[in-house]
Amino acid sequence: MRVLTIIFSILITAGCTTLPDQPVPVAIDGKSRAIVFDVDGTLTPKPIAINTARENAARAVNLFAENGYTIIYLSARNLFFQFPIPDWLQENDFPAGIIHVPRTHAEHFNPAEFKAGMLQKYVDEGWMLVAAYGDTHTDFEAYSQVGIPRERIFAVQREDAEQCQLTEQIWAECLTGWQPHFEQIMQIISLEGTSGDTQPPMLNSSP
């Protein structure tokens, strides 16, 4: 039993060290625009379904990426289960992005504080956080704290849930699925413009 415990501890420790911290990039004046996505319950159907991609979630994220926006994947996932995130994103056709996860258990257990603190670094560097998506009240609180406008904070309803968490006082809309939101994504892109590009917004039929 002791041997199994030691082996399990080694595996857990190895897993916790395989996802390196990614620094906040230097902002380019007037061109550094990002979209923030929670992962569990937002890009997955619900928080415990960490190996399953929500239908059309990757396409939604790609719409922003294809039009010049930097993607920030901001997850408060437990340290023991963070290491698969990069491979999971790639295997499910999500675009490349910057991944931020807690580095300590204290950060994991204080997700609103962790996420707000991380996003504040982007704001301090001159980034424009154009829109943000999440599934829990701690996501919405963090987004609001760093000044993301209410009309650009979107709640994603968890699978099997009857409604989105919290109230519309913080988020603009409760999304029950990603595909119906595609048109609104393109409206956001058209209104904001892309990151210094002159090309019109891209919307193709690929899945």
Protein backbone atom coordinates (compact mmCIF):
# COMPACT_ATOMS: atom_id res chain seq x y z
CA MET A 1 0.00 0.00 0.00
CA ARG A 2 2.83 2.34 0.87
CA VAL A 3 4.48 1.67 -2.50
CA LEU A 4 1.27 2.53 -4.33
CA THR A 5 0.98 5.73 -2.34
CA ILE A 6 4.53 6.73 -3.24
CA ILE A 7 3.96 5.98 -6.93
CA PHE A 8 0.74 7.97 -6.93
CA SER A 9 2.51 10.89 -5.25
CA ILE A 10 5.26 10.84 -7.86
CA LEU A 11 2.73 10.83 -10.71
CA ILE A 12 0.81 13.70 -9.17
CA THR A 13 3.97 15.73 -8.60
CA ALA A 14 5.12 15.10 -12.16
CA GLY A 15 1.75 16.17 -13.50
CA CYS A 16 1.80 19.40 -11.53
CA THR A 17 5.12 20.41 -13.05
CA THR A 18 4.37 19.66 -16.71
CA LEU A 19 2.32 22.79 -17.40
CA PRO A 20 4.72 25.76 -17.30
CA ASP A 21 3.56 29.22 -16.42
CA GLN A 22 3.20 31.47 -19.48
CA PRO A 23 4.20 35.11 -19.16
CA VAL A 24 1.94 37.97 -20.20
CA PRO A 25 3.14 39.12 -23.64
CA VAL A 26 4.22 42.69 -24.20
CA ALA A 27 1.33 44.68 -25.61
CA ILE A 28 1.56 46.31 -29.03
CA ASP A 29 0.02 49.75 -28.88
CA GLY A 30 -3.49 49.73 -30.30
CA LYS A 31 -3.23 46.17 -31.57
CA SER A 32 -3.15 43.91 -28.51
CA ARG A 33 -6.68 42.61 -28.19
CA ALA A 34 -7.66 39.40 -26.48
CA ILE A 35 -10.65 37.20 -25.78
CA VAL A 36 -10.81 35.36 -22.46
CA PHE A 37 -12.16 31.82 -22.13
CA ASP A 38 -12.63 29.76 -19.01
CA VAL A 39 -12.13 26.06 -19.81
CA ASP A 40 -14.06 23.70 -17.52
CA GLY A 41 -17.80 24.12 -17.93
CA THR A 42 -17.30 26.68 -20.69
CA LEU A 43 -15.37 24.87 -23.39
CA THR A 44 -16.37 21.56 -21.83
CA PRO A 45 -20.02 20.60 -21.14
CA LYS A 46 -19.55 20.79 -17.36
CA PRO A 47 -16.60 21.17 -14.96
CA ILE A 48 -16.13 17.45 -14.32
CA ALA A 49 -16.15 16.56 -18.04
CA ILE A 50 -12.56 17.69 -18.56
CA ASN A 51 -11.95 15.27 -21.47
CA THR A 52 -14.97 16.34 -23.52
CA ALA A 53 -15.20 19.41 -25.76
CA ARG A 54 -18.52 21.21 -25.82
CA GLU A 55 -20.14 21.08 -29.26
CA ASN A 56 -19.04 23.98 -31.50
CA ALA A 57 -16.86 25.50 -28.77
CA ALA A 58 -13.68 25.15 -30.82
CA ARG A 59 -15.33 26.82 -33.81
CA ALA A 60 -16.38 29.76 -31.65
CA VAL A 61 -12.86 30.26 -30.33
CA ASN A 62 -11.41 29.88 -33.83
CA LEU A 63 -13.67 32.65 -35.14
CA PHE A 64 -11.90 35.09 -32.86
CA ALA A 65 -8.44 33.66 -33.53
CA GLU A 66 -8.89 33.72 -37.30
CA ASN A 67 -9.73 37.40 -37.11
CA GLY A 68 -6.59 38.42 -35.27
CA TYR A 69 -7.47 38.16 -31.60
CA THR A 70 -5.18 36.62 -29.01
CA ILE A 71 -6.87 33.82 -27.10
CA ILE A 72 -6.43 33.60 -23.33
CA TYR A 73 -7.37 30.28 -21.77
CA LEU A 74 -7.84 31.06 -18.08
CA SER A 75 -8.60 28.03 -15.92
CA ALA A 76 -8.65 27.55 -12.15
CA ARG A 77 -8.42 23.78 -12.56
CA ASN A 78 -6.93 21.77 -9.71
CA LEU A 79 -3.15 21.49 -9.92
CA PHE A 80 -3.37 17.69 -10.16
CA PHE A 81 -5.28 17.78 -13.44
CA GLN A 82 -3.79 20.71 -15.34
CA PHE A 83 -1.16 18.94 -17.39
CA PRO A 84 -3.51 17.58 -20.13
CA ILE A 85 -4.91 21.01 -21.04
CA PRO A 86 -2.51 21.91 -23.91
CA ASP A 87 -2.86 18.53 -25.63
CA TRP A 88 -6.63 18.52 -25.06
CA LEU A 89 -6.98 21.91 -26.72
CA GLN A 90 -4.92 20.83 -29.71
CA GLU A 91 -6.65 17.47 -30.10
CA ASN A 92 -10.05 19.15 -30.11
CA ASP A 93 -9.05 21.76 -32.72
CA PHE A 94 -8.94 24.78 -30.44
CA PRO A 95 -6.57 27.48 -31.68
CA ALA A 96 -3.24 28.24 -30.06
CA GLY A 97 -3.50 30.59 -27.13
CA ILE A 98 -1.97 31.61 -23.84
CA ILE A 99 -2.81 29.25 -20.99
CA HIS A 100 -2.94 30.47 -17.40
CA VAL A 101 -3.64 28.13 -14.49
CA PRO A 102 -3.09 28.36 -10.71
CA ARG A 103 0.45 27.78 -9.52
CA THR A 104 -0.56 27.15 -5.91
CA HIS A 105 -3.44 25.52 -4.09
CA ALA A 106 -4.29 28.92 -2.61
CA GLU A 107 -4.87 30.30 -6.11
CA HIS A 108 -6.98 27.28 -7.04
CA PHE A 109 -9.24 27.76 -4.04
CA ASN A 110 -9.63 31.49 -4.74
CA PRO A 111 -10.51 31.45 -8.45
CA ALA A 112 -12.00 34.95 -8.67
CA GLU A 113 -8.93 36.49 -7.07
CA PHE A 114 -6.56 34.39 -9.19
CA LYS A 115 -8.33 35.19 -12.46
CA ALA A 116 -8.75 38.88 -11.72
CA GLY A 117 -5.10 39.16 -10.75
CA MET A 118 -3.93 37.45 -13.92
CA LEU A 119 -6.16 39.56 -16.17
CA GLN A 120 -5.09 42.73 -14.40
CA LYS A 121 -1.56 42.01 -15.61
CA TYR A 122 -2.86 42.18 -19.17
CA VAL A 123 -4.68 45.44 -18.47
CA ASP A 124 -1.53 46.90 -16.88
CA GLU A 125 0.44 45.91 -19.99
CA GLY A 126 -1.99 47.79 -22.21
CA TRP A 127 -4.04 44.88 -23.53
CA MET A 128 -7.68 45.36 -24.48
CA LEU A 129 -9.82 42.52 -23.15
CA VAL A 130 -12.60 42.60 -25.72
CA ALA A 131 -14.87 39.83 -24.40
CA ALA A 132 -14.87 37.06 -21.83
CA TYR A 133 -16.70 33.76 -21.40
CA GLY A 134 -17.27 31.65 -18.29
CA ASP A 135 -19.70 29.39 -16.52
CA THR A 136 -19.42 30.34 -12.86
CA HIS A 137 -19.94 33.44 -10.74
CA THR A 138 -16.23 33.59 -9.92
CA ASP A 139 -15.50 33.99 -13.65
CA PHE A 140 -17.96 36.85 -13.98
CA GLU A 141 -16.72 38.56 -10.85
CA ALA A 142 -13.13 38.43 -12.09
CA TYR A 143 -14.06 39.75 -15.53
CA SER A 144 -16.04 42.60 -14.03
CA GLN A 145 -13.25 43.53 -11.62
CA VAL A 146 -10.79 44.19 -14.44
CA GLY A 147 -13.21 46.39 -16.35
CA ILE A 148 -14.53 44.11 -19.08
CA PRO A 149 -17.85 45.71 -20.04
CA ARG A 150 -20.97 43.88 -18.92
CA GLU A 151 -22.20 43.67 -22.52
CA ARG A 152 -19.08 41.65 -23.39
CA ILE A 153 -19.28 39.17 -20.50
CA PHE A 154 -21.06 35.99 -21.56
CA ALA A 155 -22.27 33.18 -19.32
CA VAL A 156 -22.29 29.65 -20.71
CA GLN A 157 -24.91 27.35 -19.24
CA ARG A 158 -23.53 24.09 -17.94
CA GLU A 159 -24.87 20.84 -19.31
CA ASP A 160 -27.88 19.66 -17.27
CA ALA A 161 -28.16 23.04 -15.52
CA GLU A 162 -31.47 24.90 -15.59
CA GLN A 163 -29.87 28.32 -15.90
CA CYS A 164 -26.58 30.20 -15.90
CA GLN A 165 -24.97 31.05 -12.60
CA LEU A 166 -25.55 34.39 -10.92
CA THR A 167 -27.61 37.15 -12.51
CA GLU A 168 -27.52 39.26 -15.62
CA GLN A 169 -26.33 42.16 -13.49
CA ILE A 170 -22.80 40.97 -14.31
CA TRP A 171 -23.15 39.08 -17.57
CA ALA A 172 -24.93 40.23 -20.71
CA GLU A 173 -26.35 36.94 -21.93
CA CYS A 174 -26.73 33.29 -20.97
CA LEU A 175 -25.58 31.04 -23.82
CA THR A 176 -27.17 27.60 -23.99
CA GLY A 177 -24.91 26.59 -26.87
CA TRP A 178 -22.09 27.95 -29.01
CA GLN A 179 -23.45 27.78 -32.54
CA PRO A 180 -26.28 30.31 -31.99
CA HIS A 181 -23.59 32.72 -30.75
CA PHE A 182 -21.55 32.68 -33.98
CA GLU A 183 -23.39 35.64 -35.49
CA GLN A 184 -22.90 37.69 -32.36
CA ILE A 185 -19.18 36.87 -32.39
CA MET A 186 -18.95 38.29 -35.87
CA GLN A 187 -20.81 41.40 -34.73
CA ILE A 188 -18.29 41.88 -31.94
CA ILE A 189 -15.43 41.50 -34.39
CA SER A 190 -17.01 43.93 -36.84
CA LEU A 191 -17.63 46.54 -34.14
CA GLU A 192 -14.21 46.25 -32.54
CA GLY A 193 -12.17 45.68 -35.64
CA THR A 194 -9.36 43.15 -35.68
CA SER A 195 -5.92 43.53 -34.16
CA GLY A 196 -4.62 46.06 -36.65
CA ASP A 197 -5.74 44.07 -39.69
CA THR A 198 -7.51 45.68 -42.61
CA GLN A 199 -9.14 42.50 -43.87
CA PRO A 200 -12.89 42.01 -43.24
CA PRO A 201 -13.97 39.49 -40.59
CA MET A 202 -13.68 35.85 -41.62
CA LEU A 203 -16.51 33.37 -41.27
CA ASN A 204 -16.14 30.14 -43.19
CA SER A 205 -18.14 26.93 -43.15
CA SER A 206 -15.45 24.66 -41.74
CA PRO A 207 -16.41 22.90 -38.49
